[in-house]
Amino acid sequence: SHHGVVIFAMLLVSLLLLIEARRYRFFD
């Protein structure tokens, strides 16, 4: 398994973070 899988996981976590930040503004 290539170490790029971990970097890809960082990108996916960042995408979910952007979505969650938008939801948090409504929640707030």
PDB file of all heavy atoms in Angstrom:
ATOM      1  N   SER A   1       0.849  -1.196   0.000  1.00  0.00           N
ATOM      2  CA  SER A   1       0.000   0.000   0.000  1.00  0.00           C
ATOM      3  C   SER A   1       0.883   1.243   0.000  1.00  0.00           C
ATOM      4  O   SER A   1       1.821   1.371   0.786  1.00  0.00           O
ATOM      5  CB  SER A   1      -0.920  -0.005   1.215  1.00  0.00           C
ATOM      6  OG  SER A   1      -1.701   1.165   1.254  1.00  0.00           O
ATOM      7  N   HIS A   2       0.585   2.178  -0.886  1.00  0.00           N
ATOM      8  CA  HIS A   2       1.397   3.385  -1.046  1.00  0.00           C
ATOM      9  C   HIS A   2       1.110   4.383   0.075  1.00  0.00           C
ATOM     10  O   HIS A   2      -0.014   4.444   0.604  1.00  0.00           O
ATOM     11  CB  HIS A   2       1.094   4.026  -2.403  1.00  0.00           C
ATOM     12  CG  HIS A   2       2.134   4.999  -2.855  1.00  0.00           C
ATOM     13  ND1 HIS A   2       2.073   6.333  -2.541  1.00  0.00           N
ATOM     14  CD2 HIS A   2       3.269   4.823  -3.589  1.00  0.00           C
ATOM     15  CE1 HIS A   2       3.121   6.955  -3.066  1.00  0.00           C
ATOM     16  NE2 HIS A   2       3.864   6.067  -3.715  1.00  0.00           N
ATOM     17  N   HIS A   3       2.129   5.168   0.445  1.00  0.00           N
ATOM     18  CA  HIS A   3       1.923   6.180   1.489  1.00  0.00           C
ATOM     19  C   HIS A   3       0.973   7.280   1.020  1.00  0.00           C
ATOM     20  O   HIS A   3       0.446   8.053   1.836  1.00  0.00           O
ATOM     21  CB  HIS A   3       3.268   6.796   1.891  1.00  0.00           C
ATOM     22  CG  HIS A   3       3.855   7.717   0.865  1.00  0.00           C
ATOM     23  ND1 HIS A   3       3.572   9.068   0.818  1.00  0.00           N
ATOM     24  CD2 HIS A   3       4.712   7.487  -0.166  1.00  0.00           C
ATOM     25  CE1 HIS A   3       4.216   9.629  -0.183  1.00  0.00           C
ATOM     26  NE2 HIS A   3       4.923   8.695  -0.805  1.00  0.00           N
ATOM     27  N   GLY A   4       0.726   7.349  -0.288  1.00  0.00           N
ATOM     28  CA  GLY A   4      -0.233   8.323  -0.796  1.00  0.00           C
ATOM     29  C   GLY A   4      -1.642   8.083  -0.285  1.00  0.00           C
ATOM     30  O   GLY A   4      -2.471   8.996  -0.313  1.00  0.00           O
ATOM     31  N   VAL A   5      -1.920   6.865   0.199  1.00  0.00           N
ATOM     32  CA  VAL A   5      -3.235   6.587   0.782  1.00  0.00           C
ATOM     33  C   VAL A   5      -3.461   7.467   2.007  1.00  0.00           C
ATOM     34  O   VAL A   5      -4.565   7.983   2.235  1.00  0.00           O
ATOM     35  CB  VAL A   5      -3.360   5.095   1.138  1.00  0.00           C
ATOM     36  CG1 VAL A   5      -4.662   4.816   1.872  1.00  0.00           C
ATOM     37  CG2 VAL A   5      -3.260   4.240  -0.110  1.00  0.00           C
ATOM     38  N   VAL A   6      -2.412   7.673   2.801  1.00  0.00           N
ATOM     39  CA  VAL A   6      -2.544   8.521   3.983  1.00  0.00           C
ATOM     40  C   VAL A   6      -2.746   9.979   3.578  1.00  0.00           C
ATOM     41  O   VAL A   6      -3.547  10.705   4.186  1.00  0.00           O
ATOM     42  CB  VAL A   6      -1.305   8.366   4.887  1.00  0.00           C
ATOM     43  CG1 VAL A   6      -1.459   9.210   6.150  1.00  0.00           C
ATOM     44  CG2 VAL A   6      -1.074   6.918   5.249  1.00  0.00           C
ATOM     45  N   ILE A   7      -2.031  10.425   2.557  1.00  0.00           N
ATOM     46  CA  ILE A   7      -2.233  11.794   2.066  1.00  0.00           C
ATOM     47  C   ILE A   7      -3.644  11.960   1.509  1.00  0.00           C
ATOM     48  O   ILE A   7      -4.288  13.001   1.697  1.00  0.00           O
ATOM     49  CB  ILE A   7      -1.171  12.128   1.002  1.00  0.00           C
ATOM     50  CG1 ILE A   7       0.220  12.094   1.624  1.00  0.00           C
ATOM     51  CG2 ILE A   7      -1.450  13.483   0.367  1.00  0.00           C
ATOM     52  CD1 ILE A   7       1.341  12.406   0.660  1.00  0.00           C
ATOM     53  N   PHE A   8      -4.143  10.930   0.839  1.00  0.00           N
ATOM     54  CA  PHE A   8      -5.522  10.972   0.348  1.00  0.00           C
ATOM     55  C   PHE A   8      -6.496  11.061   1.521  1.00  0.00           C
ATOM     56  O   PHE A   8      -7.519  11.765   1.437  1.00  0.00           O
ATOM     57  CB  PHE A   8      -5.796   9.721  -0.486  1.00  0.00           C
ATOM     58  CG  PHE A   8      -7.175   9.643  -1.056  1.00  0.00           C
ATOM     59  CD1 PHE A   8      -7.605  10.538  -2.015  1.00  0.00           C
ATOM     60  CD2 PHE A   8      -8.075   8.671  -0.618  1.00  0.00           C
ATOM     61  CE1 PHE A   8      -8.882  10.476  -2.541  1.00  0.00           C
ATOM     62  CE2 PHE A   8      -9.349   8.600  -1.135  1.00  0.00           C
ATOM     63  CZ  PHE A   8      -9.762   9.508  -2.098  1.00  0.00           C
ATOM     64  N   ALA A   9      -6.180  10.379   2.617  1.00  0.00           N
ATOM     65  CA  ALA A   9      -7.032  10.475   3.805  1.00  0.00           C
ATOM     66  C   ALA A   9      -7.026  11.896   4.362  1.00  0.00           C
ATOM     67  O   ALA A   9      -8.071  12.401   4.824  1.00  0.00           O
ATOM     68  CB  ALA A   9      -6.558   9.489   4.864  1.00  0.00           C
ATOM     69  N   MET A  10      -5.887  12.565   4.333  1.00  0.00           N
ATOM     70  CA  MET A  10      -5.831  13.967   4.770  1.00  0.00           C
ATOM     71  C   MET A  10      -6.750  14.844   3.927  1.00  0.00           C
ATOM     72  O   MET A  10      -7.433  15.737   4.456  1.00  0.00           O
ATOM     73  CB  MET A  10      -4.397  14.482   4.679  1.00  0.00           C
ATOM     74  CG  MET A  10      -3.407  13.793   5.583  1.00  0.00           C
ATOM     75  SD  MET A  10      -1.721  14.423   5.303  1.00  0.00           S
ATOM     76  CE  MET A  10      -0.746  13.309   6.325  1.00  0.00           C
ATOM     77  N   LEU A  11      -6.763  14.596   2.613  1.00  0.00           N
ATOM     78  CA  LEU A  11      -7.620  15.391   1.727  1.00  0.00           C
ATOM     79  C   LEU A  11      -9.097  15.134   2.011  1.00  0.00           C
ATOM     80  O   LEU A  11      -9.916  16.063   2.025  1.00  0.00           O
ATOM     81  CB  LEU A  11      -7.297  15.074   0.268  1.00  0.00           C
ATOM     82  CG  LEU A  11      -5.895  15.453  -0.210  1.00  0.00           C
ATOM     83  CD1 LEU A  11      -5.699  15.011  -1.654  1.00  0.00           C
ATOM     84  CD2 LEU A  11      -5.659  16.947  -0.075  1.00  0.00           C
ATOM     85  N   LEU A  12      -9.454  13.874   2.248  1.00  0.00           N
ATOM     86  CA  LEU A  12     -10.850  13.552   2.535  1.00  0.00           C
ATOM     87  C   LEU A  12     -11.291  14.154   3.867  1.00  0.00           C
ATOM     88  O   LEU A  12     -12.419  14.661   3.990  1.00  0.00           O
ATOM     89  CB  LEU A  12     -11.050  12.041   2.544  1.00  0.00           C
ATOM     90  CG  LEU A  12     -11.029  11.345   1.182  1.00  0.00           C
ATOM     91  CD1 LEU A  12     -11.262   9.844   1.353  1.00  0.00           C
ATOM     92  CD2 LEU A  12     -12.079  11.927   0.256  1.00  0.00           C
ATOM     93  N   VAL A  13     -10.424  14.102   4.863  1.00  0.00           N
ATOM     94  CA  VAL A  13     -10.742  14.719   6.150  1.00  0.00           C
ATOM     95  C   VAL A  13     -10.940  16.222   5.979  1.00  0.00           C
ATOM     96  O   VAL A  13     -11.840  16.822   6.580  1.00  0.00           O
ATOM     97  CB  VAL A  13      -9.630  14.414   7.175  1.00  0.00           C
ATOM     98  CG1 VAL A  13      -9.802  15.264   8.429  1.00  0.00           C
ATOM     99  CG2 VAL A  13      -9.661  12.948   7.563  1.00  0.00           C
ATOM    100  N   SER A  14     -10.119  16.846   5.138  1.00  0.00           N
ATOM    101  CA  SER A  14     -10.269  18.283   4.882  1.00  0.00           C
ATOM    102  C   SER A  14     -11.604  18.587   4.213  1.00  0.00           C
ATOM    103  O   SER A  14     -12.250  19.596   4.528  1.00  0.00           O
ATOM    104  CB  SER A  14      -9.118  18.775   4.006  1.00  0.00           C
ATOM    105  OG  SER A  14      -7.874  18.542   4.632  1.00  0.00           O
ATOM    106  N   LEU A  15     -12.027  17.728   3.286  1.00  0.00           N
ATOM    107  CA  LEU A  15     -13.326  17.928   2.640  1.00  0.00           C
ATOM    108  C   LEU A  15     -14.459  17.835   3.646  1.00  0.00           C
ATOM    109  O   LEU A  15     -15.375  18.678   3.659  1.00  0.00           O
ATOM    110  CB  LEU A  15     -13.514  16.888   1.532  1.00  0.00           C
ATOM    111  CG  LEU A  15     -14.881  16.885   0.830  1.00  0.00           C
ATOM    112  CD1 LEU A  15     -15.139  18.210   0.139  1.00  0.00           C
ATOM    113  CD2 LEU A  15     -14.967  15.735  -0.171  1.00  0.00           C
ATOM    114  N   LEU A  16     -14.418  16.846   4.520  1.00  0.00           N
ATOM    115  CA  LEU A  16     -15.446  16.708   5.549  1.00  0.00           C
ATOM    116  C   LEU A  16     -15.397  17.870   6.535  1.00  0.00           C
ATOM    117  O   LEU A  16     -16.436  18.316   7.034  1.00  0.00           O
ATOM    118  CB  LEU A  16     -15.275  15.380   6.285  1.00  0.00           C
ATOM    119  CG  LEU A  16     -15.559  14.129   5.449  1.00  0.00           C
ATOM    120  CD1 LEU A  16     -15.181  12.861   6.212  1.00  0.00           C
ATOM    121  CD2 LEU A  16     -17.031  14.075   5.039  1.00  0.00           C
ATOM    122  N   LEU A  17     -14.203  18.383   6.801  1.00  0.00           N
ATOM    123  CA  LEU A  17     -14.079  19.545   7.683  1.00  0.00           C
ATOM    124  C   LEU A  17     -14.756  20.767   7.082  1.00  0.00           C
ATOM    125  O   LEU A  17     -15.447  21.519   7.786  1.00  0.00           O
ATOM    126  CB  LEU A  17     -12.598  19.824   7.934  1.00  0.00           C
ATOM    127  CG  LEU A  17     -12.262  21.124   8.666  1.00  0.00           C
ATOM    128  CD1 LEU A  17     -12.864  21.126  10.068  1.00  0.00           C
ATOM    129  CD2 LEU A  17     -10.753  21.321   8.736  1.00  0.00           C
ATOM    130  N   LEU A  18     -14.588  20.993   5.789  1.00  0.00           N
ATOM    131  CA  LEU A  18     -15.233  22.121   5.132  1.00  0.00           C
ATOM    132  C   LEU A  18     -16.752  22.002   5.193  1.00  0.00           C
ATOM    133  O   LEU A  18     -17.460  22.992   5.411  1.00  0.00           O
ATOM    134  CB  LEU A  18     -14.763  22.213   3.680  1.00  0.00           C
ATOM    135  CG  LEU A  18     -13.276  22.525   3.463  1.00  0.00           C
ATOM    136  CD1 LEU A  18     -12.948  22.475   1.973  1.00  0.00           C
ATOM    137  CD2 LEU A  18     -12.910  23.875   4.051  1.00  0.00           C
ATOM    138  N   ILE A  19     -17.259  20.791   5.009  1.00  0.00           N
ATOM    139  CA  ILE A  19     -18.707  20.570   5.098  1.00  0.00           C
ATOM    140  C   ILE A  19     -19.199  20.818   6.516  1.00  0.00           C
ATOM    141  O   ILE A  19     -20.235  21.449   6.742  1.00  0.00           O
ATOM    142  CB  ILE A  19     -19.054  19.138   4.638  1.00  0.00           C
ATOM    143  CG1 ILE A  19     -18.696  18.947   3.163  1.00  0.00           C
ATOM    144  CG2 ILE A  19     -20.533  18.837   4.874  1.00  0.00           C
ATOM    145  CD1 ILE A  19     -18.861  17.522   2.674  1.00  0.00           C
ATOM    146  N   GLU A  20     -18.438  20.328   7.479  1.00  0.00           N
ATOM    147  CA  GLU A  20     -18.863  20.479   8.872  1.00  0.00           C
ATOM    148  C   GLU A  20     -18.827  21.934   9.326  1.00  0.00           C
ATOM    149  O   GLU A  20     -19.673  22.369  10.113  1.00  0.00           O
ATOM    150  CB  GLU A  20     -17.976  19.627   9.777  1.00  0.00           C
ATOM    151  CG  GLU A  20     -18.413  19.637  11.231  1.00  0.00           C
ATOM    152  CD  GLU A  20     -17.761  18.549  12.039  1.00  0.00           C
ATOM    153  OE1 GLU A  20     -17.597  17.432  11.515  1.00  0.00           O
ATOM    154  OE2 GLU A  20     -17.425  18.797  13.205  1.00  0.00           O
ATOM    155  N   ALA A  21     -17.855  22.691   8.849  1.00  0.00           N
ATOM    156  CA  ALA A  21     -17.790  24.110   9.215  1.00  0.00           C
ATOM    157  C   ALA A  21     -19.023  24.857   8.716  1.00  0.00           C
ATOM    158  O   ALA A  21     -19.558  25.728   9.415  1.00  0.00           O
ATOM    159  CB  ALA A  21     -16.519  24.735   8.651  1.00  0.00           C
ATOM    160  N   ARG A  22     -19.481  24.515   7.520  1.00  0.00           N
ATOM    161  CA  ARG A  22     -20.699  25.143   6.995  1.00  0.00           C
ATOM    162  C   ARG A  22     -21.897  24.764   7.859  1.00  0.00           C
ATOM    163  O   ARG A  22     -22.725  25.624   8.199  1.00  0.00           O
ATOM    164  CB  ARG A  22     -20.933  24.706   5.550  1.00  0.00           C
ATOM    165  CG  ARG A  22     -22.227  25.232   4.943  1.00  0.00           C
ATOM    166  CD  ARG A  22     -22.446  24.689   3.546  1.00  0.00           C
ATOM    167  NE  ARG A  22     -23.742  25.108   3.023  1.00  0.00           N
ATOM    168  CZ  ARG A  22     -24.886  24.456   3.265  1.00  0.00           C
ATOM    169  NH1 ARG A  22     -24.884  23.378   4.038  1.00  0.00           N
ATOM    170  NH2 ARG A  22     -26.026  24.900   2.750  1.00  0.00           N
ATOM    171  N   ARG A  23     -22.006  23.510   8.237  1.00  0.00           N
ATOM    172  CA  ARG A  23     -23.119  23.087   9.086  1.00  0.00           C
ATOM    173  C   ARG A  23     -23.052  23.744  10.464  1.00  0.00           C
ATOM    174  O   ARG A  23     -24.084  24.073  11.058  1.00  0.00           O
ATOM    175  CB  ARG A  23     -23.104  21.560   9.225  1.00  0.00           C
ATOM    176  CG  ARG A  23     -23.405  20.821   7.931  1.00  0.00           C
ATOM    177  CD  ARG A  23     -23.334  19.317   8.129  1.00  0.00           C
ATOM    178  NE  ARG A  23     -23.748  18.603   6.920  1.00  0.00           N
ATOM    179  CZ  ARG A  23     -23.822  17.284   6.820  1.00  0.00           C
ATOM    180  NH1 ARG A  23     -23.495  16.517   7.846  1.00  0.00           N
ATOM    181  NH2 ARG A  23     -24.224  16.727   5.684  1.00  0.00           N
ATOM    182  N   TYR A  24     -21.853  23.934  10.944  1.00  0.00           N
ATOM    183  CA  TYR A  24     -21.698  24.533  12.273  1.00  0.00           C
ATOM    184  C   TYR A  24     -22.207  25.964  12.303  1.00  0.00           C
ATOM    185  O   TYR A  24     -22.737  26.419  13.325  1.00  0.00           O
ATOM    186  CB  TYR A  24     -20.222  24.488  12.674  1.00  0.00           C
ATOM    187  CG  TYR A  24     -19.966  25.007  14.069  1.00  0.00           C
ATOM    188  CD1 TYR A  24     -20.126  24.177  15.178  1.00  0.00           C
ATOM    189  CD2 TYR A  24     -19.584  26.329  14.275  1.00  0.00           C
ATOM    190  CE1 TYR A  24     -19.893  24.656  16.458  1.00  0.00           C
ATOM    191  CE2 TYR A  24     -19.355  26.809  15.550  1.00  0.00           C
ATOM    192  CZ  TYR A  24     -19.509  25.966  16.636  1.00  0.00           C
ATOM    193  OH  TYR A  24     -19.285  26.436  17.907  1.00  0.00           O
ATOM    194  N   ARG A  25     -22.075  26.690  11.209  1.00  0.00           N
ATOM    195  CA  ARG A  25     -22.567  28.062  11.179  1.00  0.00           C
ATOM    196  C   ARG A  25     -24.087  28.101  11.340  1.00  0.00           C
ATOM    197  O   ARG A  25     -24.621  28.984  12.025  1.00  0.00           O
ATOM    198  CB  ARG A  25     -22.158  28.735   9.870  1.00  0.00           C
ATOM    199  CG  ARG A  25     -20.668  28.889   9.681  1.00  0.00           C
ATOM    200  CD  ARG A  25     -20.362  29.633   8.393  1.00  0.00           C
ATOM    201  NE  ARG A  25     -20.644  31.059   8.514  1.00  0.00           N
ATOM    202  CZ  ARG A  25     -20.715  31.892   7.492  1.00  0.00           C
ATOM    203  NH1 ARG A  25     -20.565  31.428   6.249  1.00  0.00           N
ATOM    204  NH2 ARG A  25     -20.961  33.171   7.673  1.00  0.00           N
ATOM    205  N   PHE A  26     -24.793  27.164  10.710  1.00  0.00           N
ATOM    206  CA  PHE A  26     -26.240  27.086  10.895  1.00  0.00           C
ATOM    207  C   PHE A  26     -26.577  26.689  12.331  1.00  0.00           C
ATOM    208  O   PHE A  26     -27.469  27.267  12.954  1.00  0.00           O
ATOM    209  CB  PHE A  26     -26.839  26.065   9.918  1.00  0.00           C
ATOM    210  CG  PHE A  26     -26.947  26.557   8.511  1.00  0.00           C
ATOM    211  CD1 PHE A  26     -25.956  26.279   7.587  1.00  0.00           C
ATOM    212  CD2 PHE A  26     -28.040  27.302   8.097  1.00  0.00           C
ATOM    213  CE1 PHE A  26     -26.042  26.727   6.277  1.00  0.00           C
ATOM    214  CE2 PHE A  26     -28.144  27.754   6.790  1.00  0.00           C
ATOM    215  CZ  PHE A  26     -27.138  27.471   5.879  1.00  0.00           C
ATOM    216  N   PHE A  27     -25.865  25.706  12.844  1.00  0.00           N
ATOM    217  CA  PHE A  27     -26.097  25.264  14.219  1.00  0.00           C
ATOM    218  C   PHE A  27     -25.891  26.405  15.200  1.00  0.00           C
ATOM    219  O   PHE A  27     -26.653  26.556  16.161  1.00  0.00           O
ATOM    220  CB  PHE A  27     -25.155  24.096  14.542  1.00  0.00           C
ATOM    221  CG  PHE A  27     -25.003  23.818  16.015  1.00  0.00           C
ATOM    222  CD1 PHE A  27     -25.973  23.114  16.706  1.00  0.00           C
ATOM    223  CD2 PHE A  27     -23.884  24.267  16.707  1.00  0.00           C
ATOM    224  CE1 PHE A  27     -25.833  22.862  18.055  1.00  0.00           C
ATOM    225  CE2 PHE A  27     -23.736  24.021  18.044  1.00  0.00           C
ATOM    226  CZ  PHE A  27     -24.713  23.310  18.727  1.00  0.00           C
ATOM    227  N   ASP A  28     -24.890  27.237  14.978  1.00  0.00           N
ATOM    228  CA  ASP A  28     -24.572  28.315  15.903  1.00  0.00           C
ATOM    229  C   ASP A  28     -25.677  29.355  15.965  1.00  0.00           C
ATOM    230  O   ASP A  28     -25.904  29.964  17.019  1.00  0.00           O
ATOM    231  CB  ASP A  28     -23.255  28.969  15.475  1.00  0.00           C
ATOM    232  CG  ASP A  28     -22.750  29.956  16.506  1.00  0.00           C
ATOM    233  OD1 ASP A  28     -22.404  29.528  17.623  1.00  0.00           O
ATOM    234  OD2 ASP A  28     -22.707  31.163  16.193  1.00  0.00           O
TER     235      ASP A  28
END
